[in-house]
Amino acid sequence: MMAERFILAIKVFLSDSVVRYRDGDFNETVYVKGDGYTTPASPEEIVSLSRKKHGVDNSVSDVPYDKKEWSRYLTVCGQYRKNNSLPDEKELQNEQIVSKDGYATTGLLMFKNDYNDPDSMITCRLWRGSNKAGEVLDTGRYTGPLLDVFDNALTFIERNTKIGWKKTSEGGREEIRSYPREAVREVLVNAIAHRDYSIMGTQIDVDIYQDRIEVVSPGSWLLPKPYEQYPVGSIPSIRRNQTIAACLDVANLMERGGTGFQTIAGSYRQAEPEKQPIVASYPGFLKLTLFDLLYGNSTDNENLADFDAVIEEDESVTEDQRKIVQLLRDGPMAPKELQEASSYQSRGSFLKYVINPLLADNKIRKGAKGGRLTTYELVNKSES
């Protein structure tokens, strides 16, 4: 007859504070539990543990809110909000962004004009080819107020992805883009809102390859099930950074209903299954991939060829500008070479009246730099 066996199940709840071991009155050690190990925490890890517990953005600072010190944040609010309205202090208090006695939360400090801590960093790279083994063609490293960093990263993506036009059946023209504008914006906004700012020495990484954009943000997926197990349109709303998300919501850059991923998926609804956005969660970070809608399509070259026709029909394009566009069809060229083909003797006038308008209209862009040499190329020219 077999002896009885019993199973003892012990459920250990998450501690409300960091785990400390005390040996006497003046000797305490804080421990960090990893995957199968427990080690004493370094001073940096102790700070990180505290910030993870109490949040990095929802405490009240000792900095009084003064709209002059947040003028750049308010300017962006005016750009994206309905009727170009600006939030007043009362609205910010209602959203718990500013305390009732007029002090800014730590999250709002990250939008302040003079904010310059490195934890707001976004690093952007343009790669030649489909992986990081290729050459870096362009790079940007941005820190500062969160909305400045957002705007700089958005500009980097805009200048390094294909944009053109194609003719419509009605005789007009329609913009064609490698990546839907709303999808790119949502990816950046969500990365800023949901990154784990308590992980020291990290940044958001934006990598542009010939067929996709990958945005990697510090901080794991917060929901209990993987992204693909949630029906489209039914992803629960959860915020890692309550105040930062509220600041983005007030600026009309983000909605609290958790619709960011739905917006991204919706902008790709006409794309082939293999080009649908991918969300991948790894220990410590989250990666979202957008695929180039023009890459590999049989209509890619056909549609972008209409760019030349549009240039010819655009009355705002000068003869010198048409010459520059024609020259750049054969590949990137230096400003000096382009100026020699124009009617301008002054370099300043050539840049002001020929190059700068083409840059502003996204017809051309700065190409890769070799040493100190700047080149220009067509925006819609495929990467080799």
Protein backbone atom coordinates (compact mmCIF):
# COMPACT_ATOMS: atom_id res chain seq x y z
CA MET A 1 0.00 0.00 0.00
CA MET A 2 1.51 3.35 -1.15
CA ALA A 3 2.01 6.13 1.35
CA GLU A 4 -0.12 9.24 0.97
CA ARG A 5 1.46 12.25 -0.72
CA PHE A 6 0.51 15.85 -0.19
CA ILE A 7 1.20 18.93 -2.29
CA LEU A 8 1.70 22.26 -0.59
CA ALA A 9 1.02 25.26 -2.87
CA ILE A 10 2.42 28.59 -1.72
CA LYS A 11 1.35 31.73 -3.51
CA VAL A 12 3.77 34.63 -3.10
CA PHE A 13 2.21 38.00 -3.83
CA LEU A 14 4.09 40.91 -5.37
CA SER A 15 5.72 42.93 -2.61
CA ASP A 16 4.52 46.48 -2.02
CA SER A 17 8.11 47.54 -1.44
CA VAL A 18 11.59 46.48 -2.44
CA VAL A 19 12.90 43.36 -0.66
CA ARG A 20 15.44 44.20 2.03
CA TYR A 21 17.58 42.08 4.34
CA ARG A 22 18.52 43.75 7.63
CA ASP A 23 21.55 42.66 9.63
CA GLY A 24 21.61 44.95 12.66
CA ASP A 25 20.48 48.57 12.76
CA PHE A 26 22.83 50.00 10.16
CA ASN A 27 23.35 47.21 7.63
CA GLU A 28 20.60 46.68 5.04
CA THR A 29 20.85 45.03 1.64
CA VAL A 30 18.31 45.35 -1.20
CA TYR A 31 17.95 42.32 -3.46
CA VAL A 32 16.85 41.93 -7.07
CA LYS A 33 15.23 38.66 -8.10
CA GLY A 34 15.94 37.50 -11.64
CA ASP A 35 15.18 34.33 -13.58
CA GLY A 36 16.43 31.70 -11.14
CA TYR A 37 18.72 33.96 -9.14
CA THR A 38 18.70 36.67 -6.48
CA THR A 39 21.51 39.22 -6.21
CA PRO A 40 22.17 42.40 -4.23
CA ALA A 41 20.96 45.47 -6.11
CA SER A 42 23.31 48.21 -7.27
CA PRO A 43 22.49 51.84 -6.35
CA GLU A 44 21.17 52.39 -9.90
CA GLU A 45 18.91 49.33 -9.64
CA ILE A 46 17.54 50.54 -6.31
CA VAL A 47 16.54 53.85 -7.92
CA SER A 48 15.02 51.95 -10.85
CA LEU A 49 13.03 49.68 -8.50
CA SER A 50 11.63 52.71 -6.71
CA ARG A 51 10.64 54.37 -9.98
CA LYS A 52 8.99 51.18 -11.24
CA LYS A 53 6.92 50.99 -8.06
CA HIS A 54 5.89 54.62 -7.78
CA GLY A 55 6.02 55.67 -11.44
CA VAL A 56 8.27 58.17 -13.18
CA ASP A 57 5.61 60.62 -14.31
CA ASN A 58 2.78 60.86 -11.79
CA SER A 59 4.32 62.54 -8.74
CA VAL A 60 4.01 66.26 -8.10
CA SER A 61 7.24 68.22 -8.57
CA ASP A 62 8.31 71.44 -6.85
CA VAL A 63 8.17 73.32 -10.20
CA PRO A 64 5.22 75.74 -10.51
CA TYR A 65 3.35 75.50 -13.79
CA ASP A 66 3.96 78.57 -15.96
CA LYS A 67 2.63 78.40 -19.51
CA LYS A 68 5.64 80.39 -20.74
CA GLU A 69 7.88 77.49 -19.71
CA TRP A 70 5.70 75.07 -21.69
CA SER A 71 5.13 77.27 -24.76
CA ARG A 72 6.43 74.65 -27.21
CA TYR A 73 4.09 72.02 -25.80
CA LEU A 74 1.17 74.44 -26.06
CA THR A 75 2.14 75.28 -29.65
CA VAL A 76 1.86 71.61 -30.64
CA CYS A 77 -1.47 71.40 -28.81
CA GLY A 78 -2.67 74.27 -30.99
CA GLN A 79 -1.57 72.42 -34.12
CA TYR A 80 -3.44 69.17 -33.40
CA ARG A 81 -6.45 70.22 -31.31
CA LYS A 82 -9.79 71.17 -32.82
CA ASN A 83 -10.11 74.86 -33.62
CA ASN A 84 -6.40 75.27 -32.72
CA SER A 85 -7.40 75.78 -29.08
CA LEU A 86 -4.86 75.76 -26.24
CA PRO A 87 -5.40 73.92 -22.92
CA ASP A 88 -5.64 76.25 -19.93
CA GLU A 89 -4.38 75.45 -16.45
CA LYS A 90 -7.82 74.33 -15.31
CA GLU A 91 -7.96 71.65 -18.01
CA LEU A 92 -4.49 70.43 -17.08
CA GLN A 93 -5.56 70.23 -13.44
CA ASN A 94 -8.68 68.26 -14.37
CA GLU A 95 -6.44 65.79 -16.20
CA GLN A 96 -4.12 65.58 -13.13
CA ILE A 97 -1.23 66.93 -15.19
CA VAL A 98 -0.94 69.97 -12.92
CA SER A 99 -1.71 69.78 -9.19
CA LYS A 100 -4.60 71.71 -7.67
CA ASP A 101 -2.14 74.19 -6.14
CA GLY A 102 -0.45 74.80 -9.50
CA TYR A 103 2.62 72.54 -9.54
CA ALA A 104 3.69 70.45 -12.54
CA THR A 105 3.79 66.68 -12.33
CA THR A 106 7.04 64.91 -13.18
CA GLY A 107 5.46 63.73 -16.44
CA LEU A 108 4.69 67.28 -17.54
CA LEU A 109 8.32 68.25 -16.82
CA MET A 110 9.34 66.04 -19.75
CA PHE A 111 7.44 68.43 -22.07
CA LYS A 112 9.03 71.58 -20.58
CA ASN A 113 10.92 73.86 -23.00
CA ASP A 114 14.30 73.31 -21.34
CA TYR A 115 13.99 69.57 -20.62
CA ASN A 116 17.24 67.87 -21.64
CA ASP A 117 17.57 64.61 -19.72
CA PRO A 118 18.81 61.69 -21.87
CA ASP A 119 15.83 59.49 -20.97
CA SER A 120 13.80 61.14 -23.76
CA MET A 121 16.23 59.96 -26.46
CA ILE A 122 15.11 58.54 -29.81
CA THR A 123 17.82 57.21 -32.12
CA CYS A 124 16.98 56.97 -35.84
CA ARG A 125 18.97 55.15 -38.54
CA LEU A 126 18.50 54.59 -42.27
CA TRP A 127 20.12 51.35 -43.46
CA ARG A 128 21.16 50.31 -46.94
CA GLY A 129 19.59 46.88 -47.36
CA SER A 130 17.29 44.77 -45.22
CA ASN A 131 19.37 44.28 -42.06
CA LYS A 132 21.93 45.94 -39.82
CA ALA A 133 24.82 44.40 -41.73
CA GLY A 134 24.42 47.12 -44.34
CA GLU A 135 25.76 50.67 -44.43
CA VAL A 136 24.12 53.42 -42.35
CA LEU A 137 23.02 56.06 -44.86
CA ASP A 138 21.55 58.58 -42.43
CA THR A 139 21.30 58.87 -38.67
CA GLY A 140 19.69 61.11 -36.08
CA ARG A 141 19.97 61.19 -32.28
CA TYR A 142 17.35 63.34 -30.59
CA THR A 143 16.87 64.39 -26.96
CA GLY A 144 14.96 67.20 -25.30
CA PRO A 145 11.26 67.87 -24.64
CA LEU A 146 9.21 64.83 -25.65
CA LEU A 147 7.24 66.59 -28.38
CA ASP A 148 10.43 68.03 -29.90
CA VAL A 149 11.88 64.53 -29.99
CA PHE A 150 8.65 63.23 -31.56
CA ASP A 151 8.72 65.94 -34.23
CA ASN A 152 12.40 65.33 -35.06
CA ALA A 153 11.88 61.57 -35.39
CA LEU A 154 8.82 62.12 -37.59
CA THR A 155 10.83 64.47 -39.84
CA PHE A 156 13.64 61.89 -40.09
CA ILE A 157 11.19 59.22 -41.27
CA GLU A 158 9.53 61.61 -43.72
CA ARG A 159 12.80 62.51 -45.43
CA ASN A 160 13.98 58.90 -45.63
CA THR A 161 10.89 57.20 -47.06
CA LYS A 162 9.36 57.36 -50.51
CA ILE A 163 6.63 59.88 -51.24
CA GLY A 164 5.24 60.61 -54.70
CA TRP A 165 2.04 61.07 -56.66
CA LYS A 166 0.02 59.13 -59.18
CA LYS A 167 -2.68 60.26 -61.55
CA THR A 168 -6.29 59.46 -60.70
CA SER A 169 -9.00 58.41 -63.15
CA GLU A 170 -10.59 61.85 -62.70
CA GLY A 171 -7.45 63.57 -63.98
CA GLY A 172 -6.21 64.71 -60.59
CA ARG A 173 -3.34 63.34 -58.56
CA GLU A 174 -3.12 61.26 -55.42
CA GLU A 175 -0.27 61.08 -52.97
CA ILE A 176 1.37 57.67 -52.61
CA ARG A 177 3.56 56.83 -49.62
CA SER A 178 5.64 53.90 -48.50
CA TYR A 179 4.10 54.17 -45.03
CA PRO A 180 0.69 55.62 -44.12
CA ARG A 181 1.19 58.95 -42.37
CA GLU A 182 -1.21 58.07 -39.53
CA ALA A 183 0.52 54.73 -38.89
CA VAL A 184 3.96 56.33 -38.53
CA ARG A 185 2.58 58.97 -36.18
CA GLU A 186 0.78 56.41 -34.02
CA VAL A 187 3.85 54.17 -33.77
CA LEU A 188 6.00 57.05 -32.51
CA VAL A 189 3.33 58.36 -30.12
CA ASN A 190 2.75 54.90 -28.63
CA ALA A 191 6.49 54.31 -28.23
CA ILE A 192 6.83 57.59 -26.31
CA ALA A 193 3.72 56.97 -24.21
CA HIS A 194 4.43 53.36 -23.29
CA ARG A 195 8.21 53.10 -22.98
CA ASP A 196 9.60 52.19 -19.58
CA TYR A 197 11.51 55.31 -18.55
CA SER A 198 12.85 53.56 -15.45
CA ILE A 199 15.24 51.41 -17.52
CA MET A 200 18.37 53.50 -17.40
CA GLY A 201 20.68 53.87 -20.39
CA THR A 202 18.07 53.00 -23.02
CA GLN A 203 16.31 54.83 -25.83
CA ILE A 204 13.65 54.31 -28.47
CA ASP A 205 15.26 52.97 -31.67
CA VAL A 206 13.83 53.68 -35.13
CA ASP A 207 15.48 51.64 -37.90
CA ILE A 208 14.48 52.13 -41.53
CA TYR A 209 15.35 49.30 -43.92
CA GLN A 210 14.61 48.99 -47.64
CA ASP A 211 11.35 47.11 -46.96
CA ARG A 212 10.23 48.08 -43.42
CA ILE A 213 10.51 50.33 -40.37
CA GLU A 214 11.19 48.81 -36.95
CA VAL A 215 10.48 50.82 -33.79
CA VAL A 216 11.87 49.28 -30.60
CA SER A 217 10.77 50.71 -27.26
CA PRO A 218 12.10 49.77 -23.78
CA GLY A 219 9.43 48.04 -21.69
CA SER A 220 7.60 44.76 -22.13
CA TRP A 221 4.03 44.23 -23.39
CA LEU A 222 1.74 45.05 -20.45
CA LEU A 223 -1.28 42.90 -21.29
CA PRO A 224 -1.60 39.26 -20.13
CA LYS A 225 -2.05 37.80 -23.62
CA PRO A 226 0.08 38.35 -26.76
CA TYR A 227 -1.04 41.04 -29.21
CA GLU A 228 -2.23 38.56 -31.85
CA GLN A 229 -4.65 36.89 -29.39
CA TYR A 230 -6.74 40.07 -29.11
CA PRO A 231 -9.36 40.64 -31.83
CA VAL A 232 -8.74 43.76 -33.90
CA GLY A 233 -10.60 46.61 -32.23
CA SER A 234 -10.69 44.88 -28.83
CA ILE A 235 -7.28 45.58 -27.33
CA PRO A 236 -7.74 46.71 -23.70
CA SER A 237 -6.42 50.15 -22.80
CA ILE A 238 -3.58 50.14 -20.30
CA ARG A 239 -1.07 52.91 -19.56
CA ARG A 240 2.44 52.52 -18.23
CA ASN A 241 2.89 56.30 -17.96
CA GLN A 242 -0.41 57.86 -16.94
CA THR A 243 0.64 61.51 -17.03
CA ILE A 244 2.69 61.35 -20.24
CA ALA A 245 -0.27 59.63 -21.92
CA ALA A 246 -2.57 62.34 -20.55
CA CYS A 247 -0.30 65.09 -21.95
CA LEU A 248 -0.39 63.44 -25.38
CA ASP A 249 -4.15 63.02 -25.11
CA VAL A 250 -4.63 66.72 -24.27
CA ALA A 251 -2.50 67.56 -27.35
CA ASN A 252 -4.88 65.36 -29.41
CA LEU A 253 -1.99 63.10 -30.38
CA MET A 254 -3.29 60.11 -28.47
CA GLU A 255 -6.65 58.75 -27.35
CA ARG A 256 -7.16 57.08 -24.01
CA GLY A 257 -9.49 54.47 -25.50
CA GLY A 258 -6.56 52.30 -26.55
CA THR A 259 -7.21 52.88 -30.24
CA GLY A 260 -3.59 53.45 -31.30
CA PHE A 261 -2.99 49.90 -32.53
CA GLN A 262 -6.40 49.86 -34.21
CA THR A 263 -5.47 53.05 -36.09
CA ILE A 264 -2.24 51.43 -37.28
CA ALA A 265 -4.04 48.26 -38.37
CA GLY A 266 -6.77 50.30 -40.06
CA SER A 267 -4.28 52.23 -42.18
CA TYR A 268 -3.01 48.87 -43.53
CA ARG A 269 -6.44 47.32 -44.12
CA GLN A 270 -5.93 47.25 -47.92
CA ALA A 271 -2.43 45.76 -47.70
CA GLU A 272 -1.54 42.15 -48.42
CA PRO A 273 -1.43 39.76 -45.41
CA GLU A 274 2.38 39.62 -45.49
CA LYS A 275 2.59 43.42 -45.15
CA GLN A 276 0.36 43.75 -42.09
CA PRO A 277 2.03 45.44 -39.08
CA ILE A 278 3.65 43.14 -36.54
CA VAL A 279 3.85 43.63 -32.77
CA ALA A 280 6.50 41.52 -31.06
CA SER A 281 7.17 41.47 -27.32
CA TYR A 282 10.51 40.42 -25.85
CA PRO A 283 11.80 40.52 -22.27
CA GLY A 284 12.42 44.19 -21.58
CA PHE A 285 11.32 45.72 -24.87
CA LEU A 286 8.60 45.90 -27.50
CA LYS A 287 9.10 45.98 -31.28
CA LEU A 288 6.55 47.22 -33.81
CA THR A 289 7.21 46.69 -37.52
CA LEU A 290 5.61 48.62 -40.38
CA PHE A 291 6.14 47.31 -43.91
CA ASP A 292 6.78 49.44 -47.00
CA LEU A 293 3.57 49.36 -49.04
CA LEU A 294 5.46 50.23 -52.24
CA TYR A 295 8.37 47.83 -51.86
CA GLY A 296 8.26 44.95 -54.33
CA ASN A 297 4.92 45.95 -55.86
CA SER A 298 4.63 45.61 -59.61
CA THR A 299 2.97 49.03 -59.68
CA ASP A 300 5.76 50.69 -57.69
CA ASN A 301 7.86 51.92 -60.60
CA GLU A 302 4.77 52.64 -62.67
CA ASN A 303 3.22 54.87 -60.02
CA LEU A 304 6.44 56.64 -59.16
CA ALA A 305 7.12 57.23 -62.83
CA ASP A 306 4.10 59.55 -62.76
CA PHE A 307 6.24 61.80 -60.58
CA ASP A 308 8.00 63.11 -63.70
CA ALA A 309 4.68 63.89 -65.34
CA VAL A 310 3.49 65.72 -62.25
CA ILE A 311 6.70 67.80 -62.24
CA GLU A 312 6.09 68.77 -65.85
CA GLU A 313 2.49 69.78 -65.15
CA ASP A 314 3.21 71.67 -61.91
CA GLU A 315 3.28 75.36 -62.83
CA SER A 316 4.98 76.23 -59.54
CA VAL A 317 8.11 74.30 -60.58
CA THR A 318 10.65 76.52 -62.36
CA GLU A 319 12.74 75.49 -65.35
CA ASP A 320 15.86 75.26 -63.19
CA GLN A 321 14.04 73.00 -60.77
CA ARG A 322 12.93 70.75 -63.65
CA LYS A 323 16.56 70.44 -64.74
CA ILE A 324 17.59 69.42 -61.23
CA VAL A 325 14.86 66.77 -61.05
CA GLN A 326 15.93 65.35 -64.41
CA LEU A 327 19.57 65.17 -63.32
CA LEU A 328 18.70 63.44 -60.05
CA ARG A 329 16.86 60.69 -61.90
CA ASP A 330 20.29 59.15 -62.54
CA GLY A 331 21.27 59.21 -58.86
CA PRO A 332 22.44 61.50 -56.05
CA MET A 333 24.52 64.54 -56.96
CA ALA A 334 26.46 67.21 -55.09
CA PRO A 335 25.09 70.79 -54.90
CA LYS A 336 28.03 72.14 -56.92
CA GLU A 337 27.30 69.79 -59.83
CA LEU A 338 23.62 70.70 -59.77
CA GLN A 339 24.32 74.43 -59.62
CA GLU A 340 26.51 74.19 -62.74
CA ALA A 341 23.48 72.95 -64.69
CA SER A 342 21.35 75.89 -63.52
CA SER A 343 21.26 79.56 -64.48
CA TYR A 344 22.37 80.70 -61.00
CA GLN A 345 25.88 82.00 -60.34
CA SER A 346 25.30 82.60 -56.62
CA ARG A 347 25.31 79.47 -54.45
CA GLY A 348 23.04 81.17 -51.90
CA SER A 349 20.45 82.10 -54.51
CA PHE A 350 20.63 78.63 -56.06
CA LEU A 351 19.91 77.01 -52.70
CA LYS A 352 17.19 79.54 -51.82
CA TYR A 353 15.24 79.51 -55.10
CA VAL A 354 15.93 76.04 -56.50
CA ILE A 355 16.97 73.51 -53.86
CA ASN A 356 15.06 74.70 -50.79
CA PRO A 357 11.62 74.81 -52.49
CA LEU A 358 12.15 71.27 -53.83
CA LEU A 359 13.11 70.13 -50.32
CA ALA A 360 10.09 71.87 -48.78
CA ASP A 361 7.75 70.18 -51.28
CA ASN A 362 9.30 66.73 -50.63
CA LYS A 363 10.36 66.43 -54.26
CA ILE A 364 14.01 65.95 -53.32
CA ARG A 365 15.88 65.22 -50.10
CA LYS A 366 19.40 65.17 -48.76
CA GLY A 367 21.15 61.95 -49.63
CA ALA A 368 23.78 59.99 -47.75
CA LYS A 369 26.91 61.83 -46.71
CA GLY A 370 30.35 60.64 -47.69
CA GLY A 371 32.72 62.48 -45.37
CA ARG A 372 31.72 66.15 -45.56
CA LEU A 373 30.06 65.86 -48.96
CA THR A 374 26.32 66.59 -49.04
CA THR A 375 24.29 65.15 -51.91
CA TYR A 376 20.67 65.41 -53.03
CA GLU A 377 18.40 62.74 -54.47
CA LEU A 378 14.77 62.30 -55.54
CA VAL A 379 12.40 61.51 -52.69
CA ASN A 380 10.73 58.73 -54.63
CA LYS A 381 13.90 57.09 -55.86
CA SER A 382 14.13 53.48 -54.62
CA GLU A 383 17.02 52.60 -52.36
CA SER A 384 19.56 50.42 -54.07
